[in-house]
Amino acid sequence: MWQKALDLTDEVNLLTKSFPKDELYVLTSQIKRAADSVVLNIAEGCTGQSNPVFKTFLSYSLRSSIEVVSCLFIAKRRKIVSADDFQRLYEEYQSLTRMITALRNTL
């Protein structure tokens, strides 16, 4: 799960390279921070924390994942990302969200 989140943050970073300059401090920054937050919260939560604390960090990660998806929807509406890129990343983040939710539910 952490590796998938890490791979996806790289994909989001690469995708944002094509975003228009006027989105640099708006959507570009927001989606990159949210994607980074997914992987960072998974990492921070699993480092010697109790299960309730890890569950809290997984909840933060889950929220950030949903934020990435929302940013993708905005980018699609603004015609910044292609339908193919949107669909691919949407499906990847759906999968990651299910993984995070399943792990959180076991704790």
PDB file of N, CA and C in Angstrom:
ATOM      1  N   MET A   1       0.819  -1.185   0.000  1.00  0.00           N
ATOM      2  CA  MET A   1       0.000   0.000   0.000  1.00  0.00           C
ATOM      3  C   MET A   1       0.869   1.258   0.000  1.00  0.00           C
ATOM      4  N   TRP A   2       1.879   1.297   0.862  1.00  0.00           N
ATOM      5  CA  TRP A   2       2.774   2.456   0.905  1.00  0.00           C
ATOM      6  C   TRP A   2       3.478   2.612  -0.439  1.00  0.00           C
ATOM      7  N   GLN A   3       3.931   1.503  -1.028  1.00  0.00           N
ATOM      8  CA  GLN A   3       4.620   1.561  -2.319  1.00  0.00           C
ATOM      9  C   GLN A   3       3.682   2.069  -3.415  1.00  0.00           C
ATOM     10  N   LYS A   4       2.454   1.625  -3.395  1.00  0.00           N
ATOM     11  CA  LYS A   4       1.475   2.099  -4.381  1.00  0.00           C
ATOM     12  C   LYS A   4       1.256   3.603  -4.218  1.00  0.00           C
ATOM     13  N   ALA A   5       1.128   4.063  -2.998  1.00  0.00           N
ATOM     14  CA  ALA A   5       0.951   5.500  -2.744  1.00  0.00           C
ATOM     15  C   ALA A   5       2.172   6.285  -3.221  1.00  0.00           C
ATOM     16  N   LEU A   6       3.353   5.725  -3.000  1.00  0.00           N
ATOM     17  CA  LEU A   6       4.590   6.381  -3.450  1.00  0.00           C
ATOM     18  C   LEU A   6       4.631   6.450  -4.975  1.00  0.00           C
ATOM     19  N   ASP A   7       4.277   5.366  -5.637  1.00  0.00           N
ATOM     20  CA  ASP A   7       4.237   5.359  -7.097  1.00  0.00           C
ATOM     21  C   ASP A   7       3.224   6.368  -7.625  1.00  0.00           C
ATOM     22  N   LEU A   8       2.076   6.454  -6.975  1.00  0.00           N
ATOM     23  CA  LEU A   8       1.047   7.378  -7.435  1.00  0.00           C
ATOM     24  C   LEU A   8       1.440   8.833  -7.236  1.00  0.00           C
ATOM     25  N   THR A   9       2.152   9.131  -6.163  1.00  0.00           N
ATOM     26  CA  THR A   9       2.573  10.524  -5.981  1.00  0.00           C
ATOM     27  C   THR A   9       3.560  10.919  -7.074  1.00  0.00           C
ATOM     28  N   ASP A  10       4.389   9.970  -7.524  1.00  0.00           N
ATOM     29  CA  ASP A  10       5.274  10.241  -8.660  1.00  0.00           C
ATOM     30  C   ASP A  10       4.472  10.493  -9.937  1.00  0.00           C
ATOM     31  N   GLU A  11       3.415   9.701 -10.137  1.00  0.00           N
ATOM     32  CA  GLU A  11       2.577   9.881 -11.326  1.00  0.00           C
ATOM     33  C   GLU A  11       1.865  11.231 -11.303  1.00  0.00           C
ATOM     34  N   VAL A  12       1.370  11.628 -10.141  1.00  0.00           N
ATOM     35  CA  VAL A  12       0.709  12.928 -10.022  1.00  0.00           C
ATOM     36  C   VAL A  12       1.718  14.048 -10.288  1.00  0.00           C
ATOM     37  N   ASN A  13       2.898  13.924  -9.734  1.00  0.00           N
ATOM     38  CA  ASN A  13       3.930  14.937  -9.960  1.00  0.00           C
ATOM     39  C   ASN A  13       4.241  15.071 -11.448  1.00  0.00           C
ATOM     40  N   LEU A  14       4.375  13.957 -12.129  1.00  0.00           N
ATOM     41  CA  LEU A  14       4.642  13.977 -13.560  1.00  0.00           C
ATOM     42  C   LEU A  14       3.475  14.603 -14.333  1.00  0.00           C
ATOM     43  N   LEU A  15       2.269  14.244 -13.963  1.00  0.00           N
ATOM     44  CA  LEU A  15       1.086  14.802 -14.614  1.00  0.00           C
ATOM     45  C   LEU A  15       1.037  16.322 -14.485  1.00  0.00           C
ATOM     46  N   THR A  16       1.386  16.834 -13.307  1.00  0.00           N
ATOM     47  CA  THR A  16       1.292  18.281 -13.079  1.00  0.00           C
ATOM     48  C   THR A  16       2.316  19.083 -13.873  1.00  0.00           C
ATOM     49  N   LYS A  17       3.314  18.420 -14.415  1.00  0.00           N
ATOM     50  CA  LYS A  17       4.302  19.127 -15.243  1.00  0.00           C
ATOM     51  C   LYS A  17       3.635  19.769 -16.457  1.00  0.00           C
ATOM     52  N   SER A  18       2.503  19.207 -16.880  1.00  0.00           N
ATOM     53  CA  SER A  18       1.804  19.740 -18.047  1.00  0.00           C
ATOM     54  C   SER A  18       0.688  20.726 -17.676  1.00  0.00           C
ATOM     55  N   PHE A  19       0.474  20.977 -16.393  1.00  0.00           N
ATOM     56  CA  PHE A  19      -0.565  21.919 -15.978  1.00  0.00           C
ATOM     57  C   PHE A  19      -0.158  23.331 -16.393  1.00  0.00           C
ATOM     58  N   PRO A  20      -1.133  24.189 -16.690  1.00  0.00           N
ATOM     59  CA  PRO A  20      -0.800  25.566 -17.070  1.00  0.00           C
ATOM     60  C   PRO A  20      -0.157  26.336 -15.918  1.00  0.00           C
ATOM     61  N   LYS A  21       0.640  27.309 -16.270  1.00  0.00           N
ATOM     62  CA  LYS A  21       1.372  28.103 -15.263  1.00  0.00           C
ATOM     63  C   LYS A  21       0.425  28.812 -14.290  1.00  0.00           C
ATOM     64  N   ASP A  22      -0.746  29.212 -14.777  1.00  0.00           N
ATOM     65  CA  ASP A  22      -1.660  29.932 -13.878  1.00  0.00           C
ATOM     66  C   ASP A  22      -2.264  29.023 -12.804  1.00  0.00           C
ATOM     67  N   GLU A  23      -2.032  27.720 -12.899  1.00  0.00           N
ATOM     68  CA  GLU A  23      -2.481  26.776 -11.869  1.00  0.00           C
ATOM     69  C   GLU A  23      -1.365  26.415 -10.889  1.00  0.00           C
ATOM     70  N   LEU A  24      -0.175  26.957 -11.098  1.00  0.00           N
ATOM     71  CA  LEU A  24       0.992  26.564 -10.306  1.00  0.00           C
ATOM     72  C   LEU A  24       0.757  26.684  -8.801  1.00  0.00           C
ATOM     73  N   TYR A  25       0.199  27.791  -8.347  1.00  0.00           N
ATOM     74  CA  TYR A  25       0.012  27.999  -6.911  1.00  0.00           C
ATOM     75  C   TYR A  25      -1.396  27.650  -6.452  1.00  0.00           C
ATOM     76  N   VAL A  26      -2.145  27.047  -7.346  1.00  0.00           N
ATOM     77  CA  VAL A  26      -3.519  26.687  -7.020  1.00  0.00           C
ATOM     78  C   VAL A  26      -3.647  25.165  -7.125  1.00  0.00           C
ATOM     79  N   LEU A  27      -4.154  24.686  -8.233  1.00  0.00           N
ATOM     80  CA  LEU A  27      -4.441  23.267  -8.383  1.00  0.00           C
ATOM     81  C   LEU A  27      -3.178  22.402  -8.395  1.00  0.00           C
ATOM     82  N   THR A  28      -2.139  22.864  -9.060  1.00  0.00           N
ATOM     83  CA  THR A  28      -0.891  22.092  -9.115  1.00  0.00           C
ATOM     84  C   THR A  28      -0.356  21.842  -7.711  1.00  0.00           C
ATOM     85  N   SER A  29      -0.256  22.900  -6.942  1.00  0.00           N
ATOM     86  CA  SER A  29       0.251  22.783  -5.578  1.00  0.00           C
ATOM     87  C   SER A  29      -0.650  21.898  -4.720  1.00  0.00           C
ATOM     88  N   GLN A  30      -1.954  22.081  -4.853  1.00  0.00           N
ATOM     89  CA  GLN A  30      -2.905  21.342  -4.026  1.00  0.00           C
ATOM     90  C   GLN A  30      -2.859  19.836  -4.291  1.00  0.00           C
ATOM     91  N   ILE A  31      -2.876  19.452  -5.550  1.00  0.00           N
ATOM     92  CA  ILE A  31      -2.899  18.022  -5.864  1.00  0.00           C
ATOM     93  C   ILE A  31      -1.577  17.357  -5.500  1.00  0.00           C
ATOM     94  N   LYS A  32      -0.464  18.083  -5.682  1.00  0.00           N
ATOM     95  CA  LYS A  32       0.832  17.508  -5.309  1.00  0.00           C
ATOM     96  C   LYS A  32       0.937  17.327  -3.796  1.00  0.00           C
ATOM     97  N   ARG A  33       0.496  18.322  -3.032  1.00  0.00           N
ATOM     98  CA  ARG A  33       0.550  18.206  -1.570  1.00  0.00           C
ATOM     99  C   ARG A  33      -0.351  17.087  -1.075  1.00  0.00           C
ATOM    100  N   ALA A  34      -1.537  16.958  -1.677  1.00  0.00           N
ATOM    101  CA  ALA A  34      -2.459  15.897  -1.268  1.00  0.00           C
ATOM    102  C   ALA A  34      -1.889  14.513  -1.589  1.00  0.00           C
ATOM    103  N   ALA A  35      -1.313  14.363  -2.782  1.00  0.00           N
ATOM    104  CA  ALA A  35      -0.728  13.070  -3.164  1.00  0.00           C
ATOM    105  C   ALA A  35       0.441  12.716  -2.245  1.00  0.00           C
ATOM    106  N   ASP A  36       1.280  13.701  -1.935  1.00  0.00           N
ATOM    107  CA  ASP A  36       2.392  13.459  -1.006  1.00  0.00           C
ATOM    108  C   ASP A  36       1.869  13.095   0.381  1.00  0.00           C
ATOM    109  N   SER A  37       0.793  13.748   0.794  1.00  0.00           N
ATOM    110  CA  SER A  37       0.229  13.510   2.115  1.00  0.00           C
ATOM    111  C   SER A  37      -0.263  12.069   2.280  1.00  0.00           C
ATOM    112  N   VAL A  38      -0.757  11.469   1.224  1.00  0.00           N
ATOM    113  CA  VAL A  38      -1.227  10.087   1.301  1.00  0.00           C
ATOM    114  C   VAL A  38      -0.088   9.185   1.762  1.00  0.00           C
ATOM    115  N   VAL A  39       1.019   9.241   1.050  1.00  0.00           N
ATOM    116  CA  VAL A  39       2.149   8.362   1.352  1.00  0.00           C
ATOM    117  C   VAL A  39       2.813   8.741   2.685  1.00  0.00           C
ATOM    118  N   LEU A  40       2.911  10.032   2.960  1.00  0.00           N
ATOM    119  CA  LEU A  40       3.570  10.474   4.196  1.00  0.00           C
ATOM    120  C   LEU A  40       2.783  10.063   5.437  1.00  0.00           C
ATOM    121  N   ASN A  41       1.470  10.123   5.389  1.00  0.00           N
ATOM    122  CA  ASN A  41       0.666   9.726   6.546  1.00  0.00           C
ATOM    123  C   ASN A  41       0.685   8.226   6.773  1.00  0.00           C
ATOM    124  N   ILE A  42       0.743   7.455   5.695  1.00  0.00           N
ATOM    125  CA  ILE A  42       0.897   6.003   5.862  1.00  0.00           C
ATOM    126  C   ILE A  42       2.220   5.718   6.563  1.00  0.00           C
ATOM    127  N   ALA A  43       3.279   6.352   6.093  1.00  0.00           N
ATOM    128  CA  ALA A  43       4.607   6.132   6.680  1.00  0.00           C
ATOM    129  C   ALA A  43       4.652   6.569   8.139  1.00  0.00           C
ATOM    130  N   GLU A  44       4.143   7.755   8.410  1.00  0.00           N
ATOM    131  CA  GLU A  44       4.204   8.275   9.775  1.00  0.00           C
ATOM    132  C   GLU A  44       3.378   7.424  10.734  1.00  0.00           C
ATOM    133  N   GLY A  45       2.236   6.957  10.281  1.00  0.00           N
ATOM    134  CA  GLY A  45       1.357   6.185  11.146  1.00  0.00           C
ATOM    135  C   GLY A  45       1.871   4.811  11.496  1.00  0.00           C
ATOM    136  N   CYS A  46       2.660   4.216  10.608  1.00  0.00           N
ATOM    137  CA  CYS A  46       3.088   2.833  10.856  1.00  0.00           C
ATOM    138  C   CYS A  46       4.398   2.732  11.628  1.00  0.00           C
ATOM    139  N   THR A  47       4.995   3.835  11.966  1.00  0.00           N
ATOM    140  CA  THR A  47       6.308   3.800  12.622  1.00  0.00           C
ATOM    141  C   THR A  47       6.172   3.707  14.137  1.00  0.00           C
ATOM    142  N   GLY A  48       5.956   2.496  14.605  1.00  0.00           N
ATOM    143  CA  GLY A  48       5.955   2.235  16.040  1.00  0.00           C
ATOM    144  C   GLY A  48       4.798   2.840  16.801  1.00  0.00           C
ATOM    145  N   GLN A  49       3.717   3.127  16.108  1.00  0.00           N
ATOM    146  CA  GLN A  49       2.553   3.717  16.767  1.00  0.00           C
ATOM    147  C   GLN A  49       1.614   2.619  17.249  1.00  0.00           C
ATOM    148  N   SER A  50       0.733   2.988  18.140  1.00  0.00           N
ATOM    149  CA  SER A  50      -0.320   2.053  18.551  1.00  0.00           C
ATOM    150  C   SER A  50      -1.337   1.920  17.412  1.00  0.00           C
ATOM    151  N   ASN A  51      -2.141   0.885  17.481  1.00  0.00           N
ATOM    152  CA  ASN A  51      -3.154   0.697  16.445  1.00  0.00           C
ATOM    153  C   ASN A  51      -4.124   1.882  16.333  1.00  0.00           C
ATOM    154  N   PRO A  52      -4.603   2.435  17.455  1.00  0.00           N
ATOM    155  CA  PRO A  52      -5.497   3.592  17.323  1.00  0.00           C
ATOM    156  C   PRO A  52      -4.821   4.805  16.657  1.00  0.00           C
ATOM    157  N   VAL A  53      -3.543   5.013  16.946  1.00  0.00           N
ATOM    158  CA  VAL A  53      -2.822   6.123  16.325  1.00  0.00           C
ATOM    159  C   VAL A  53      -2.615   5.845  14.841  1.00  0.00           C
ATOM    160  N   PHE A  54      -2.231   4.603  14.506  1.00  0.00           N
ATOM    161  CA  PHE A  54      -2.057   4.234  13.106  1.00  0.00           C
ATOM    162  C   PHE A  54      -3.376   4.414  12.354  1.00  0.00           C
ATOM    163  N   LYS A  55      -4.471   4.036  12.983  1.00  0.00           N
ATOM    164  CA  LYS A  55      -5.792   4.188  12.372  1.00  0.00           C
ATOM    165  C   LYS A  55      -6.088   5.660  12.074  1.00  0.00           C
ATOM    166  N   THR A  56      -5.706   6.523  12.978  1.00  0.00           N
ATOM    167  CA  THR A  56      -5.888   7.966  12.768  1.00  0.00           C
ATOM    168  C   THR A  56      -5.099   8.443  11.558  1.00  0.00           C
ATOM    169  N   PHE A  57      -3.849   8.021  11.451  1.00  0.00           N
ATOM    170  CA  PHE A  57      -3.027   8.420  10.311  1.00  0.00           C
ATOM    171  C   PHE A  57      -3.563   7.839   9.005  1.00  0.00           C
ATOM    172  N   LEU A  58      -4.085   6.633   9.053  1.00  0.00           N
ATOM    173  CA  LEU A  58      -4.699   6.060   7.856  1.00  0.00           C
ATOM    174  C   LEU A  58      -5.932   6.861   7.452  1.00  0.00           C
ATOM    175  N   SER A  59      -6.651   7.388   8.430  1.00  0.00           N
ATOM    176  CA  SER A  59      -7.797   8.254   8.122  1.00  0.00           C
ATOM    177  C   SER A  59      -7.340   9.533   7.434  1.00  0.00           C
ATOM    178  N   TYR A  60      -6.237  10.110   7.899  1.00  0.00           N
ATOM    179  CA  TYR A  60      -5.683  11.296   7.229  1.00  0.00           C
ATOM    180  C   TYR A  60      -5.289  10.953   5.796  1.00  0.00           C
ATOM    181  N   SER A  61      -4.651   9.804   5.638  1.00  0.00           N
ATOM    182  CA  SER A  61      -4.224   9.356   4.318  1.00  0.00           C
ATOM    183  C   SER A  61      -5.421   9.150   3.400  1.00  0.00           C
ATOM    184  N   LEU A  62      -6.464   8.565   3.927  1.00  0.00           N
ATOM    185  CA  LEU A  62      -7.686   8.338   3.168  1.00  0.00           C
ATOM    186  C   LEU A  62      -8.291   9.662   2.703  1.00  0.00           C
ATOM    187  N   ARG A  63      -8.344  10.626   3.593  1.00  0.00           N
ATOM    188  CA  ARG A  63      -8.884  11.947   3.233  1.00  0.00           C
ATOM    189  C   ARG A  63      -8.044  12.604   2.146  1.00  0.00           C
ATOM    190  N   SER A  64      -6.735  12.468   2.254  1.00  0.00           N
ATOM    191  CA  SER A  64      -5.859  13.045   1.229  1.00  0.00           C
ATOM    192  C   SER A  64      -6.047  12.365  -0.111  1.00  0.00           C
ATOM    193  N   SER A  65      -6.262  11.067  -0.094  1.00  0.00           N
ATOM    194  CA  SER A  65      -6.517  10.334  -1.327  1.00  0.00           C
ATOM    195  C   SER A  65      -7.793  10.841  -1.998  1.00  0.00           C
ATOM    196  N   ILE A  66      -8.803  11.064  -1.215  1.00  0.00           N
ATOM    197  CA  ILE A  66     -10.066  11.593  -1.737  1.00  0.00           C
ATOM    198  C   ILE A  66      -9.866  13.021  -2.249  1.00  0.00           C
ATOM    199  N   GLU A  67      -9.002  13.768  -1.598  1.00  0.00           N
ATOM    200  CA  GLU A  67      -8.676  15.118  -2.064  1.00  0.00           C
ATOM    201  C   GLU A  67      -7.996  15.067  -3.430  1.00  0.00           C
ATOM    202  N   VAL A  68      -7.083  14.118  -3.631  1.00  0.00           N
ATOM    203  CA  VAL A  68      -6.436  13.959  -4.937  1.00  0.00           C
ATOM    204  C   VAL A  68      -7.498  13.698  -6.000  1.00  0.00           C
ATOM    205  N   VAL A  69      -8.419  12.809  -5.712  1.00  0.00           N
ATOM    206  CA  VAL A  69      -9.480  12.489  -6.671  1.00  0.00           C
ATOM    207  C   VAL A  69     -10.310  13.738  -6.981  1.00  0.00           C
ATOM    208  N   SER A  70     -10.616  14.519  -5.974  1.00  0.00           N
ATOM    209  CA  SER A  70     -11.371  15.754  -6.206  1.00  0.00           C
ATOM    210  C   SER A  70     -10.590  16.714  -7.093  1.00  0.00           C
ATOM    211  N   CYS A  71      -9.300  16.813  -6.871  1.00  0.00           N
ATOM    212  CA  CYS A  71      -8.448  17.655  -7.723  1.00  0.00           C
ATOM    213  C   CYS A  71      -8.439  17.141  -9.162  1.00  0.00           C
ATOM    214  N   LEU A  72      -8.444  15.829  -9.317  1.00  0.00           N
ATOM    215  CA  LEU A  72      -8.504  15.253 -10.661  1.00  0.00           C
ATOM    216  C   LEU A  72      -9.805  15.627 -11.364  1.00  0.00           C
ATOM    217  N   PHE A  73     -10.905  15.600 -10.622  1.00  0.00           N
ATOM    218  CA  PHE A  73     -12.181  16.008 -11.201  1.00  0.00           C
ATOM    219  C   PHE A  73     -12.135  17.478 -11.637  1.00  0.00           C
ATOM    220  N   ILE A  74     -11.550  18.325 -10.807  1.00  0.00           N
ATOM    221  CA  ILE A  74     -11.424  19.745 -11.162  1.00  0.00           C
ATOM    222  C   ILE A  74     -10.570  19.896 -12.414  1.00  0.00           C
ATOM    223  N   ALA A  75      -9.448  19.192 -12.438  1.00  0.00           N
ATOM    224  CA  ALA A  75      -8.548  19.280 -13.594  1.00  0.00           C
ATOM    225  C   ALA A  75      -9.238  18.784 -14.864  1.00  0.00           C
ATOM    226  N   LYS A  76     -10.037  17.762 -14.729  1.00  0.00           N
ATOM    227  CA  LYS A  76     -10.776  17.248 -15.886  1.00  0.00           C
ATOM    228  C   LYS A  76     -11.786  18.280 -16.371  1.00  0.00           C
ATOM    229  N   ARG A  77     -12.505  18.893 -15.455  1.00  0.00           N
ATOM    230  CA  ARG A  77     -13.497  19.918 -15.821  1.00  0.00           C
ATOM    231  C   ARG A  77     -12.845  21.121 -16.487  1.00  0.00           C
ATOM    232  N   ARG A  78     -11.650  21.448 -16.030  1.00  0.00           N
ATOM    233  CA  ARG A  78     -10.932  22.592 -16.613  1.00  0.00           C
ATOM    234  C   ARG A  78     -10.176  22.204 -17.876  1.00  0.00           C
ATOM    235  N   LYS A  79     -10.325  20.951 -18.271  1.00  0.00           N
ATOM    236  CA  LYS A  79      -9.679  20.410 -19.476  1.00  0.00           C
ATOM    237  C   LYS A  79      -8.147  20.485 -19.398  1.00  0.00           C
ATOM    238  N   ILE A  80      -7.645  20.251 -18.183  1.00  0.00           N
ATOM    239  CA  ILE A  80      -6.200  20.239 -17.937  1.00  0.00           C
ATOM    240  C   ILE A  80      -5.647  18.833 -18.098  1.00  0.00           C
ATOM    241  N   VAL A  81      -6.451  17.832 -17.758  1.00  0.00           N
ATOM    242  CA  VAL A  81      -6.025  16.437 -17.923  1.00  0.00           C
ATOM    243  C   VAL A  81      -6.926  15.757 -18.941  1.00  0.00           C
ATOM    244  N   SER A  82      -6.350  14.817 -19.645  1.00  0.00           N
ATOM    245  CA  SER A  82      -7.120  14.056 -20.637  1.00  0.00           C
ATOM    246  C   SER A  82      -8.060  13.090 -19.929  1.00  0.00           C
ATOM    247  N   ALA A  83      -9.053  12.644 -20.653  1.00  0.00           N
ATOM    248  CA  ALA A  83      -9.986  11.657 -20.108  1.00  0.00           C
ATOM    249  C   ALA A  83      -9.256  10.368 -19.737  1.00  0.00           C
ATOM    250  N   ASP A  84      -8.265   9.988 -20.549  1.00  0.00           N
ATOM    251  CA  ASP A  84      -7.507   8.759 -20.268  1.00  0.00           C
ATOM    252  C   ASP A  84      -6.682   8.887 -18.992  1.00  0.00           C
ATOM    253  N   ASP A  85      -5.974  10.006 -18.833  1.00  0.00           N
ATOM    254  CA  ASP A  85      -5.180  10.221 -17.617  1.00  0.00           C
ATOM    255  C   ASP A  85      -6.087  10.280 -16.391  1.00  0.00           C
ATOM    256  N   PHE A  86      -7.199  10.984 -16.538  1.00  0.00           N
ATOM    257  CA  PHE A  86      -8.150  11.061 -15.433  1.00  0.00           C
ATOM    258  C   PHE A  86      -8.613   9.669 -15.034  1.00  0.00           C
ATOM    259  N   GLN A  87      -9.068   8.882 -15.992  1.00  0.00           N
ATOM    260  CA  GLN A  87      -9.626   7.564 -15.698  1.00  0.00           C
ATOM    261  C   GLN A  87      -8.591   6.646 -15.058  1.00  0.00           C
ATOM    262  N   ARG A  88      -7.381   6.668 -15.597  1.00  0.00           N
ATOM    263  CA  ARG A  88      -6.312   5.812 -15.064  1.00  0.00           C
ATOM    264  C   ARG A  88      -6.001   6.164 -13.612  1.00  0.00           C
ATOM    265  N   LEU A  89      -5.800   7.445 -13.336  1.00  0.00           N
ATOM    266  CA  LEU A  89      -5.466   7.850 -11.970  1.00  0.00           C
ATOM    267  C   LEU A  89      -6.664   7.708 -11.030  1.00  0.00           C
ATOM    268  N   TYR A  90      -7.851   7.968 -11.527  1.00  0.00           N
ATOM    269  CA  TYR A  90      -9.060   7.786 -10.723  1.00  0.00           C
ATOM    270  C   TYR A  90      -9.165   6.328 -10.265  1.00  0.00           C
ATOM    271  N   GLU A  91      -8.972   5.409 -11.177  1.00  0.00           N
ATOM    272  CA  GLU A  91      -9.051   3.987 -10.827  1.00  0.00           C
ATOM    273  C   GLU A  91      -7.941   3.581  -9.860  1.00  0.00           C
ATOM    274  N   GLU A  92      -6.736   4.104 -10.061  1.00  0.00           N
ATOM    275  CA  GLU A  92      -5.619   3.790  -9.157  1.00  0.00           C
ATOM    276  C   GLU A  92      -5.897   4.308  -7.746  1.00  0.00           C
ATOM    277  N   TYR A  93      -6.418   5.530  -7.650  1.00  0.00           N
ATOM    278  CA  TYR A  93      -6.726   6.080  -6.328  1.00  0.00           C
ATOM    279  C   TYR A  93      -7.932   5.393  -5.695  1.00  0.00           C
ATOM    280  N   GLN A  94      -8.882   4.925  -6.503  1.00  0.00           N
ATOM    281  CA  GLN A  94      -9.985   4.132  -5.951  1.00  0.00           C
ATOM    282  C   GLN A  94      -9.440   2.856  -5.323  1.00  0.00           C
ATOM    283  N   SER A  95      -8.531   2.217  -6.029  1.00  0.00           N
ATOM    284  CA  SER A  95      -7.914   0.992  -5.517  1.00  0.00           C
ATOM    285  C   SER A  95      -7.150   1.268  -4.223  1.00  0.00           C
ATOM    286  N   LEU A  96      -6.371   2.331  -4.223  1.00  0.00           N
ATOM    287  CA  LEU A  96      -5.603   2.692  -3.022  1.00  0.00           C
ATOM    288  C   LEU A  96      -6.540   3.020  -1.862  1.00  0.00           C
ATOM    289  N   THR A  97      -7.608   3.721  -2.141  1.00  0.00           N
ATOM    290  CA  THR A  97      -8.571   4.074  -1.103  1.00  0.00           C
ATOM    291  C   THR A  97      -9.182   2.814  -0.482  1.00  0.00           C
ATOM    292  N   ARG A  98      -9.493   1.840  -1.316  1.00  0.00           N
ATOM    293  CA  ARG A  98     -10.018   0.564  -0.792  1.00  0.00           C
ATOM    294  C   ARG A  98      -8.981  -0.130   0.091  1.00  0.00           C
ATOM    295  N   MET A  99      -7.714  -0.086  -0.315  1.00  0.00           N
ATOM    296  CA  MET A  99      -6.651  -0.719   0.472  1.00  0.00           C
ATOM    297  C   MET A  99      -6.504  -0.046   1.832  1.00  0.00           C
ATOM    298  N   ILE A 100      -6.490   1.278   1.825  1.00  0.00           N
ATOM    299  CA  ILE A 100      -6.354   2.031   3.081  1.00  0.00           C
ATOM    300  C   ILE A 100      -7.549   1.745   3.987  1.00  0.00           C
ATOM    301  N   THR A 101      -8.735   1.758   3.415  1.00  0.00           N
ATOM    302  CA  THR A 101      -9.954   1.509   4.202  1.00  0.00           C
ATOM    303  C   THR A 101      -9.943   0.106   4.791  1.00  0.00           C
ATOM    304  N   ALA A 102      -9.540  -0.874   3.999  1.00  0.00           N
ATOM    305  CA  ALA A 102      -9.505  -2.265   4.490  1.00  0.00           C
ATOM    306  C   ALA A 102      -8.524  -2.407   5.645  1.00  0.00           C
ATOM    307  N   LEU A 103      -7.333  -1.820   5.508  1.00  0.00           N
ATOM    308  CA  LEU A 103      -6.362  -1.908   6.600  1.00  0.00           C
ATOM    309  C   LEU A 103      -6.882  -1.181   7.834  1.00  0.00           C
ATOM    310  N   ARG A 104      -7.431   0.014   7.642  1.00  0.00           N
ATOM    311  CA  ARG A 104      -7.945   0.785   8.782  1.00  0.00           C
ATOM    312  C   ARG A 104      -9.032   0.000   9.501  1.00  0.00           C
ATOM    313  N   ASN A 105      -9.865  -0.705   8.746  1.00  0.00           N
ATOM    314  CA  ASN A 105     -10.954  -1.457   9.364  1.00  0.00           C
ATOM    315  C   ASN A 105     -10.475  -2.677  10.146  1.00  0.00           C
ATOM    316  N   THR A 106      -9.258  -3.137   9.883  1.00  0.00           N
ATOM    317  CA  THR A 106      -8.719  -4.289  10.629  1.00  0.00           C
ATOM    318  C   THR A 106      -8.086  -3.871  11.956  1.00  0.00           C
ATOM    319  N   LEU A 107      -7.831  -2.597  12.124  1.00  0.00           N
ATOM    320  CA  LEU A 107      -7.148  -2.129  13.351  1.00  0.00           C
ATOM    321  C   LEU A 107      -8.120  -1.861  14.480  1.00  0.00           C
TER     322      LEU A 107
END
